N, C-alpha and C. Protein backbone atom coordinates (compact mmCIF):
# COMPACT_ATOMS: atom_id res chain seq x y z
N MET A 1 -3.92 -12.55 7.43
CA MET A 1 -3.01 -11.63 8.10
C MET A 1 -1.82 -11.36 7.19
N THR A 2 -1.44 -10.11 7.09
CA THR A 2 -0.31 -9.75 6.24
C THR A 2 0.94 -9.58 7.09
N ALA A 3 2.07 -9.62 6.42
CA ALA A 3 3.36 -9.45 7.10
C ALA A 3 3.47 -8.04 7.67
N PRO A 4 4.25 -7.87 8.74
CA PRO A 4 4.45 -6.52 9.28
C PRO A 4 5.11 -5.63 8.23
N LEU A 5 4.75 -4.39 8.24
CA LEU A 5 5.30 -3.44 7.28
C LEU A 5 6.56 -2.80 7.86
N PRO A 6 7.56 -2.57 7.00
CA PRO A 6 8.82 -2.00 7.47
C PRO A 6 8.71 -0.50 7.73
N GLY A 7 9.54 -0.02 8.64
CA GLY A 7 9.66 1.42 8.87
C GLY A 7 8.52 2.01 9.67
N ARG A 8 8.58 3.32 9.80
CA ARG A 8 7.56 4.06 10.56
C ARG A 8 6.39 4.50 9.71
N HIS A 9 6.57 4.54 8.41
CA HIS A 9 5.54 5.05 7.50
C HIS A 9 4.56 3.92 7.16
N THR A 10 3.64 3.70 8.08
CA THR A 10 2.66 2.64 7.93
C THR A 10 1.27 3.26 7.76
N PRO A 11 0.32 2.50 7.20
CA PRO A 11 -1.00 3.07 6.95
C PRO A 11 -1.84 3.17 8.22
N LEU A 12 -2.57 4.26 8.32
CA LEU A 12 -3.57 4.44 9.35
C LEU A 12 -4.89 3.97 8.75
N ARG A 13 -5.39 2.87 9.27
CA ARG A 13 -6.62 2.30 8.72
C ARG A 13 -7.81 2.81 9.50
N PRO A 14 -8.91 3.09 8.91
CA PRO A 14 -9.36 2.71 7.58
C PRO A 14 -9.14 3.78 6.52
N THR A 15 -8.44 4.89 6.86
CA THR A 15 -8.28 5.97 5.87
C THR A 15 -7.15 5.73 4.89
N TRP A 16 -6.23 4.85 5.23
CA TRP A 16 -5.08 4.52 4.39
C TRP A 16 -4.23 5.74 4.06
N LEU A 17 -4.05 6.56 5.10
CA LEU A 17 -3.09 7.66 5.03
C LEU A 17 -1.89 7.26 5.88
N CYS A 18 -0.72 7.79 5.53
CA CYS A 18 0.50 7.48 6.27
C CYS A 18 0.41 8.06 7.68
N ARG A 19 0.80 7.26 8.67
CA ARG A 19 0.77 7.70 10.07
C ARG A 19 1.74 8.85 10.33
N VAL A 20 2.79 8.97 9.53
CA VAL A 20 3.82 9.98 9.78
C VAL A 20 3.57 11.27 9.00
N ASP A 21 3.33 11.15 7.69
CA ASP A 21 3.24 12.36 6.87
C ASP A 21 1.84 12.65 6.32
N ALA A 22 0.88 11.77 6.61
CA ALA A 22 -0.52 11.94 6.20
C ALA A 22 -0.73 11.93 4.68
N HIS A 23 0.24 11.46 3.94
CA HIS A 23 0.06 11.28 2.49
C HIS A 23 -0.66 9.97 2.24
N PRO A 24 -1.31 9.84 1.08
CA PRO A 24 -1.93 8.55 0.76
C PRO A 24 -0.88 7.44 0.84
N TRP A 25 -1.24 6.37 1.53
CA TRP A 25 -0.30 5.26 1.68
C TRP A 25 -0.45 4.30 0.52
N PRO A 26 0.64 3.79 -0.05
CA PRO A 26 2.01 3.93 0.40
C PRO A 26 2.62 5.27 -0.04
N CYS A 27 3.13 5.99 0.93
CA CYS A 27 3.79 7.27 0.66
C CYS A 27 5.20 6.98 0.12
N GLY A 28 5.92 7.99 -0.24
CA GLY A 28 7.26 7.82 -0.79
C GLY A 28 8.21 7.07 0.13
N GLU A 29 8.20 7.40 1.41
CA GLU A 29 9.08 6.73 2.36
C GLU A 29 8.69 5.26 2.54
N ALA A 30 7.40 4.97 2.54
CA ALA A 30 6.95 3.58 2.65
C ALA A 30 7.38 2.78 1.43
N LYS A 31 7.29 3.39 0.26
CA LYS A 31 7.72 2.70 -0.96
C LYS A 31 9.21 2.36 -0.90
N LEU A 32 10.01 3.32 -0.46
CA LEU A 32 11.45 3.07 -0.35
C LEU A 32 11.75 1.93 0.63
N ALA A 33 11.06 1.95 1.78
CA ALA A 33 11.26 0.89 2.78
C ALA A 33 10.84 -0.47 2.24
N LEU A 34 9.73 -0.51 1.55
CA LEU A 34 9.24 -1.77 0.98
C LEU A 34 10.20 -2.29 -0.09
N LEU A 35 10.67 -1.40 -0.96
CA LEU A 35 11.62 -1.81 -2.00
C LEU A 35 12.91 -2.35 -1.38
N ASP A 36 13.33 -1.75 -0.28
CA ASP A 36 14.55 -2.22 0.39
C ASP A 36 14.34 -3.61 0.99
N VAL A 37 13.27 -3.79 1.72
CA VAL A 37 13.00 -5.07 2.38
C VAL A 37 12.76 -6.18 1.36
N TYR A 38 12.07 -5.86 0.28
CA TYR A 38 11.73 -6.86 -0.73
C TYR A 38 12.63 -6.78 -1.97
N ALA A 39 13.83 -6.29 -1.80
CA ALA A 39 14.74 -6.12 -2.94
C ALA A 39 14.97 -7.41 -3.71
N ASP A 40 15.01 -8.53 -3.02
CA ASP A 40 15.25 -9.82 -3.67
C ASP A 40 14.00 -10.67 -3.77
N ASP A 41 12.83 -10.07 -3.53
CA ASP A 41 11.59 -10.82 -3.57
C ASP A 41 10.46 -9.97 -4.15
N ARG A 42 10.60 -9.61 -5.42
CA ARG A 42 9.57 -8.78 -6.06
C ARG A 42 8.21 -9.47 -6.06
N PRO A 43 8.14 -10.80 -6.32
CA PRO A 43 6.82 -11.46 -6.24
C PRO A 43 6.19 -11.35 -4.84
N GLY A 44 7.01 -11.45 -3.80
CA GLY A 44 6.51 -11.30 -2.44
C GLY A 44 5.97 -9.91 -2.20
N LEU A 45 6.67 -8.89 -2.72
CA LEU A 45 6.22 -7.51 -2.59
C LEU A 45 4.88 -7.33 -3.30
N MET A 46 4.77 -7.86 -4.50
CA MET A 46 3.53 -7.72 -5.26
C MET A 46 2.38 -8.44 -4.57
N ASN A 47 2.66 -9.58 -3.99
CA ASN A 47 1.63 -10.32 -3.25
C ASN A 47 1.15 -9.51 -2.04
N LEU A 48 2.10 -8.96 -1.29
CA LEU A 48 1.76 -8.13 -0.14
C LEU A 48 0.92 -6.92 -0.57
N LEU A 49 1.39 -6.21 -1.60
CA LEU A 49 0.68 -5.01 -2.05
C LEU A 49 -0.71 -5.35 -2.59
N SER A 50 -0.85 -6.48 -3.23
CA SER A 50 -2.16 -6.89 -3.74
C SER A 50 -3.13 -7.13 -2.59
N THR A 51 -2.65 -7.78 -1.55
CA THR A 51 -3.49 -8.02 -0.37
C THR A 51 -3.87 -6.71 0.31
N LEU A 52 -2.90 -5.82 0.46
CA LEU A 52 -3.17 -4.52 1.09
C LEU A 52 -4.11 -3.67 0.24
N LYS A 53 -3.96 -3.76 -1.08
CA LYS A 53 -4.85 -3.02 -1.99
C LYS A 53 -6.30 -3.45 -1.78
N GLU A 54 -6.52 -4.74 -1.68
CA GLU A 54 -7.87 -5.25 -1.46
C GLU A 54 -8.44 -4.74 -0.14
N GLN A 55 -7.63 -4.75 0.90
CA GLN A 55 -8.09 -4.25 2.20
C GLN A 55 -8.41 -2.76 2.12
N ALA A 56 -7.53 -2.01 1.47
CA ALA A 56 -7.74 -0.56 1.36
C ALA A 56 -8.99 -0.26 0.55
N GLU A 57 -9.20 -0.98 -0.55
CA GLU A 57 -10.39 -0.74 -1.36
C GLU A 57 -11.66 -1.01 -0.55
N GLU A 58 -11.64 -2.07 0.24
CA GLU A 58 -12.80 -2.39 1.08
C GLU A 58 -13.05 -1.29 2.10
N HIS A 59 -12.00 -0.85 2.78
CA HIS A 59 -12.15 0.19 3.80
C HIS A 59 -12.63 1.50 3.18
N LEU A 60 -11.99 1.92 2.10
CA LEU A 60 -12.32 3.21 1.50
C LEU A 60 -13.69 3.20 0.84
N THR A 61 -14.09 2.06 0.30
CA THR A 61 -15.44 1.94 -0.27
C THR A 61 -16.47 2.10 0.84
N THR A 62 -16.23 1.48 1.97
CA THR A 62 -17.14 1.60 3.12
C THR A 62 -17.21 3.05 3.60
N LEU A 63 -16.06 3.72 3.68
CA LEU A 63 -16.04 5.11 4.13
C LEU A 63 -16.74 6.05 3.15
N ASP A 64 -16.78 5.66 1.87
CA ASP A 64 -17.39 6.51 0.84
C ASP A 64 -18.79 6.01 0.48
N SER A 65 -19.51 5.56 1.48
CA SER A 65 -20.92 5.15 1.33
C SER A 65 -21.14 4.11 0.24
N GLY A 66 -20.20 3.20 0.08
CA GLY A 66 -20.36 2.11 -0.87
C GLY A 66 -19.88 2.40 -2.28
N ARG A 67 -19.38 3.59 -2.54
CA ARG A 67 -18.86 3.90 -3.88
C ARG A 67 -17.52 3.19 -4.04
N ALA A 68 -17.43 2.34 -5.05
CA ALA A 68 -16.23 1.53 -5.27
C ALA A 68 -15.00 2.40 -5.49
N THR A 69 -13.90 1.94 -4.93
CA THR A 69 -12.62 2.63 -5.05
C THR A 69 -11.63 1.68 -5.70
N ASP A 70 -10.99 2.12 -6.79
CA ASP A 70 -9.97 1.31 -7.47
C ASP A 70 -8.60 1.90 -7.15
N LEU A 71 -7.79 1.13 -6.44
CA LEU A 71 -6.48 1.60 -6.02
C LEU A 71 -5.34 0.88 -6.73
N THR A 72 -5.62 0.31 -7.88
CA THR A 72 -4.61 -0.46 -8.60
C THR A 72 -3.36 0.36 -8.87
N SER A 73 -3.51 1.54 -9.41
CA SER A 73 -2.31 2.33 -9.74
C SER A 73 -1.57 2.76 -8.47
N ARG A 74 -2.29 3.08 -7.43
CA ARG A 74 -1.67 3.53 -6.17
C ARG A 74 -0.85 2.42 -5.51
N PHE A 75 -1.29 1.19 -5.63
CA PHE A 75 -0.63 0.09 -4.95
C PHE A 75 0.25 -0.77 -5.85
N LEU A 76 -0.11 -0.95 -7.11
CA LEU A 76 0.54 -1.99 -7.91
C LEU A 76 1.38 -1.53 -9.09
N THR A 77 1.36 -0.27 -9.44
CA THR A 77 2.14 0.14 -10.61
C THR A 77 3.55 0.62 -10.26
N TRP A 78 3.74 1.24 -9.12
CA TRP A 78 5.03 1.83 -8.79
C TRP A 78 6.17 0.83 -8.59
N PRO A 79 5.93 -0.43 -8.16
CA PRO A 79 7.07 -1.32 -7.93
C PRO A 79 7.71 -1.87 -9.21
N HIS A 80 7.07 -1.65 -10.35
CA HIS A 80 7.62 -2.20 -11.59
C HIS A 80 8.76 -1.32 -12.10
N PRO A 81 9.88 -1.93 -12.46
CA PRO A 81 10.97 -1.13 -13.00
C PRO A 81 10.58 -0.51 -14.34
N PRO A 82 11.11 0.67 -14.65
CA PRO A 82 10.79 1.31 -15.93
C PRO A 82 11.25 0.47 -17.11
N GLY A 83 10.49 0.57 -18.19
CA GLY A 83 10.90 -0.12 -19.40
C GLY A 83 10.10 -1.24 -19.78
C-alpha cells in the first residue's frame, strides 16, 4: 500500500490519467503537490514514485494486451534538480 497522494490531481487507475485534467499522471499540478509535500524527503518521493511507476506499468501493460510499457521518464526523471 502506498501513501495517500496530496491534492486533487490524483491518478485514475488503471489508465493513469489525472482525475482532474485528464493529462498523463503525474500531471504538472500533481508534480508540484508532490514536490511540496516531499520537499525535505527526496528519497521518500523517489520511493513513492518508483512504487507507483511499477503499478502503472503493470496496469498499462495489461490494458495494452501485454505490450510492455516503460514509464521511467514519466515517473522518475522530473524530480531530479537540474545539473
